[in-house]
Amino acid sequence: MLFHCTCPLVFLQDPAYIEVLANYITELSLLDHNLLCYPPSQIAASAIFLAKYILYPTKHSWASDFIMMLFAYIFVAVAKSNT
């Protein structure tokens, strides 16, 4: 039997979901000592961006070259923390 959802996922459009996910990402950043050197404003902006990107992957709120630069930066930071 194939299940079809006929209702749109309206609940994901609520800004409260973005806030909750951004808060969770921010709290996770406190666990990584390598991220403590960044100012709180940069951590907050990154958390909001990542929360929006997770919830709305087809909507790009910032320029694509900035997104590529951000992912490259995260990749390098993760690679450094694993060594």
Protein backbone atom coordinates (compact mmCIF):
# COMPACT_ATOMS: atom_id res chain seq x y z
CA MET A 1 0.00 0.00 0.00
CA LEU A 2 1.36 3.42 -0.97
CA PHE A 3 0.80 6.29 1.43
CA HIS A 4 0.38 9.80 0.03
CA CYS A 5 0.39 12.93 2.14
CA THR A 6 -2.07 15.36 0.59
CA CYS A 7 -1.51 18.15 3.09
CA PRO A 8 1.48 20.50 2.72
CA LEU A 9 3.98 20.66 5.55
CA VAL A 10 2.66 23.97 6.80
CA PHE A 11 4.03 23.48 10.29
CA LEU A 12 7.61 23.81 9.00
CA GLN A 13 6.89 27.36 7.84
CA ASP A 14 6.52 28.51 11.43
CA PRO A 15 9.47 30.74 12.48
CA ALA A 16 9.47 29.00 15.87
CA TYR A 17 10.95 25.89 14.23
CA ILE A 18 13.83 27.95 12.85
CA GLU A 19 14.42 29.46 16.29
CA VAL A 20 14.39 26.11 18.08
CA LEU A 21 16.75 24.52 15.57
CA ALA A 22 19.08 27.56 15.61
CA ASN A 23 19.18 27.44 19.42
CA TYR A 24 20.05 23.74 19.30
CA ILE A 25 22.83 24.33 16.76
CA THR A 26 24.18 27.17 18.90
CA GLU A 27 24.23 24.93 21.98
CA LEU A 28 26.04 22.25 19.99
CA SER A 29 28.68 24.80 19.00
CA LEU A 30 29.50 25.31 22.68
CA LEU A 31 30.65 21.70 22.89
CA ASP A 32 33.37 22.20 20.29
CA HIS A 33 36.27 24.12 21.82
CA ASN A 34 37.56 25.09 18.36
CA LEU A 35 34.49 27.29 17.83
CA LEU A 36 34.96 29.30 21.04
CA CYS A 37 37.32 31.72 19.27
CA TYR A 38 34.49 33.10 17.10
CA PRO A 39 32.32 36.00 18.24
CA PRO A 40 28.79 35.14 19.38
CA SER A 41 27.30 37.17 16.52
CA GLN A 42 29.07 34.97 13.96
CA ILE A 43 27.95 31.78 15.73
CA ALA A 44 24.36 33.09 15.84
CA ALA A 45 24.33 34.07 12.17
CA SER A 46 25.78 30.70 11.19
CA ALA A 47 23.21 28.86 13.32
CA ILE A 48 20.30 30.76 11.76
CA PHE A 49 21.65 30.15 8.27
CA LEU A 50 22.14 26.44 8.93
CA ALA A 51 18.67 26.09 10.49
CA LYS A 52 17.05 27.77 7.48
CA TYR A 53 19.11 25.63 5.12
CA ILE A 54 18.08 22.43 6.93
CA LEU A 55 14.37 23.34 7.02
CA TYR A 56 14.21 24.96 3.57
CA PRO A 57 16.93 23.38 1.40
CA THR A 58 15.48 24.69 -1.87
CA LYS A 59 15.35 28.33 -0.74
CA HIS A 60 18.70 30.08 -0.81
CA SER A 61 18.61 33.12 1.40
CA TRP A 62 22.21 34.09 0.70
CA ALA A 63 24.34 34.13 -2.44
CA SER A 64 25.53 30.76 -3.71
CA ASP A 65 29.21 31.76 -3.63
CA PHE A 66 28.85 32.61 0.05
CA ILE A 67 27.27 29.20 0.66
CA MET A 68 30.17 27.46 -1.06
CA MET A 69 32.67 29.49 0.96
CA LEU A 70 30.82 28.63 4.18
CA PHE A 71 30.79 24.90 3.44
CA ALA A 72 34.51 24.99 2.55
CA TYR A 73 35.23 26.80 5.81
CA ILE A 74 33.19 24.27 7.83
CA PHE A 75 34.96 21.39 6.06
CA VAL A 76 38.38 22.81 6.95
CA ALA A 77 37.33 23.46 10.57
CA VAL A 78 36.02 19.90 10.96
CA ALA A 79 39.15 18.45 9.35
CA LYS A 80 41.35 20.44 11.76
CA SER A 81 39.31 19.33 14.78
CA ASN A 82 39.63 15.66 13.80
CA THR A 83 43.44 15.80 13.74
